[in-house]
Amino acid sequence: MKNRLEELRKQRGVRQEELADALEVSRQTIGSLENGRYNPSILLAFKIARYFGMAIEDIFIYEEEQV
């Protein structure tokens, strides 16, 4: 799953540490999300969407695997 987290964070001038504090996660979690090494829990996805005032699907892009 791809996401626009880094793009949105930078557009708003928010540091990883600030976002992590607001979401009550570690800065490493934010870095892992931005690099695609980690997909958020549904609860964290909702928190991120609420933080940015957007819908989850506008931040996280699900791409079905081609068989």
C-alpha atoms as a PDB file:
ATOM      1  CA  MET A   1       0.000   0.000   0.000  1.00  0.00           C
ATOM      2  CA  LYS A   2       1.338   3.413  -0.933  1.00  0.00           C
ATOM      3  CA  ASN A   3       0.718   6.579   1.021  1.00  0.00           C
ATOM      4  CA  ARG A   4       1.060  10.352   0.749  1.00  0.00           C
ATOM      5  CA  LEU A   5       2.101  10.844   4.368  1.00  0.00           C
ATOM      6  CA  GLU A   6       5.514  12.386   3.703  1.00  0.00           C
ATOM      7  CA  GLU A   7       4.135  14.658   0.980  1.00  0.00           C
ATOM      8  CA  LEU A   8       1.292  15.904   3.204  1.00  0.00           C
ATOM      9  CA  ARG A   9       3.543  16.352   6.229  1.00  0.00           C
ATOM     10  CA  LYS A  10       6.067  18.412   4.255  1.00  0.00           C
ATOM     11  CA  GLN A  11       3.337  20.522   2.619  1.00  0.00           C
ATOM     12  CA  ARG A  12       2.203  21.550   6.089  1.00  0.00           C
ATOM     13  CA  GLY A  13       5.716  22.118   7.403  1.00  0.00           C
ATOM     14  CA  VAL A  14       5.374  19.463  10.117  1.00  0.00           C
ATOM     15  CA  ARG A  15       8.442  17.567  11.358  1.00  0.00           C
ATOM     16  CA  GLN A  16       8.301  13.800  11.860  1.00  0.00           C
ATOM     17  CA  GLU A  17       8.705  14.346  15.607  1.00  0.00           C
ATOM     18  CA  GLU A  18       5.738  16.736  15.733  1.00  0.00           C
ATOM     19  CA  LEU A  19       3.506  14.345  13.826  1.00  0.00           C
ATOM     20  CA  ALA A  20       4.616  11.431  15.992  1.00  0.00           C
ATOM     21  CA  ASP A  21       3.796  13.381  19.155  1.00  0.00           C
ATOM     22  CA  ALA A  22       0.367  14.365  17.831  1.00  0.00           C
ATOM     23  CA  LEU A  23      -0.418  10.748  16.923  1.00  0.00           C
ATOM     24  CA  GLU A  24       1.142   9.288  20.091  1.00  0.00           C
ATOM     25  CA  VAL A  25       3.610   7.089  18.164  1.00  0.00           C
ATOM     26  CA  SER A  26       7.391   7.129  17.786  1.00  0.00           C
ATOM     27  CA  ARG A  27       9.256   9.134  15.164  1.00  0.00           C
ATOM     28  CA  GLN A  28      10.541   5.780  13.865  1.00  0.00           C
ATOM     29  CA  THR A  29       6.947   4.705  13.208  1.00  0.00           C
ATOM     30  CA  ILE A  30       6.384   7.814  11.088  1.00  0.00           C
ATOM     31  CA  GLY A  31       9.604   7.138   9.163  1.00  0.00           C
ATOM     32  CA  SER A  32       8.606   3.523   8.563  1.00  0.00           C
ATOM     33  CA  LEU A  33       5.158   4.568   7.359  1.00  0.00           C
ATOM     34  CA  GLU A  34       6.631   7.137   4.979  1.00  0.00           C
ATOM     35  CA  ASN A  35       9.112   4.622   3.564  1.00  0.00           C
ATOM     36  CA  GLY A  36       6.455   1.967   3.055  1.00  0.00           C
ATOM     37  CA  ARG A  37       8.064  -0.478   5.485  1.00  0.00           C
ATOM     38  CA  TYR A  38       4.984  -0.463   7.709  1.00  0.00           C
ATOM     39  CA  ASN A  39       1.241  -0.239   7.129  1.00  0.00           C
ATOM     40  CA  PRO A  40      -0.746   1.455   9.881  1.00  0.00           C
ATOM     41  CA  SER A  41      -3.383  -0.177  12.002  1.00  0.00           C
ATOM     42  CA  ILE A  42      -6.880   0.986  11.145  1.00  0.00           C
ATOM     43  CA  LEU A  43      -6.892   3.072  14.334  1.00  0.00           C
ATOM     44  CA  LEU A  44      -3.652   4.819  13.391  1.00  0.00           C
ATOM     45  CA  ALA A  45      -4.915   5.362   9.830  1.00  0.00           C
ATOM     46  CA  PHE A  46      -8.002   7.095  11.247  1.00  0.00           C
ATOM     47  CA  LYS A  47      -5.843   9.254  13.543  1.00  0.00           C
ATOM     48  CA  ILE A  48      -3.639  10.286  10.613  1.00  0.00           C
ATOM     49  CA  ALA A  49      -6.662  11.089   8.445  1.00  0.00           C
ATOM     50  CA  ARG A  50      -8.225  13.153  11.236  1.00  0.00           C
ATOM     51  CA  TYR A  51      -4.933  14.998  11.830  1.00  0.00           C
ATOM     52  CA  PHE A  52      -4.781  16.066   8.171  1.00  0.00           C
ATOM     53  CA  GLY A  53      -8.550  16.598   7.843  1.00  0.00           C
ATOM     54  CA  MET A  54      -8.753  14.117   4.988  1.00  0.00           C
ATOM     55  CA  ALA A  55     -10.321  10.764   4.171  1.00  0.00           C
ATOM     56  CA  ILE A  56      -8.173   7.696   4.782  1.00  0.00           C
ATOM     57  CA  GLU A  57      -8.330   6.741   1.100  1.00  0.00           C
ATOM     58  CA  ASP A  58      -6.941  10.165   0.137  1.00  0.00           C
ATOM     59  CA  ILE A  59      -3.796   9.425   2.168  1.00  0.00           C
ATOM     60  CA  PHE A  60      -3.393   5.664   1.792  1.00  0.00           C
ATOM     61  CA  ILE A  61      -3.590   4.217  -1.707  1.00  0.00           C
ATOM     62  CA  TYR A  62      -4.431   0.546  -1.989  1.00  0.00           C
ATOM     63  CA  GLU A  63      -3.236  -1.090  -5.184  1.00  0.00           C
ATOM     64  CA  GLU A  64      -4.459  -4.570  -5.969  1.00  0.00           C
ATOM     65  CA  GLU A  65      -1.807  -7.006  -7.025  1.00  0.00           C
ATOM     66  CA  GLN A  66      -1.911  -7.978 -10.678  1.00  0.00           C
ATOM     67  CA  VAL A  67      -2.096 -11.741 -11.123  1.00  0.00           C
END
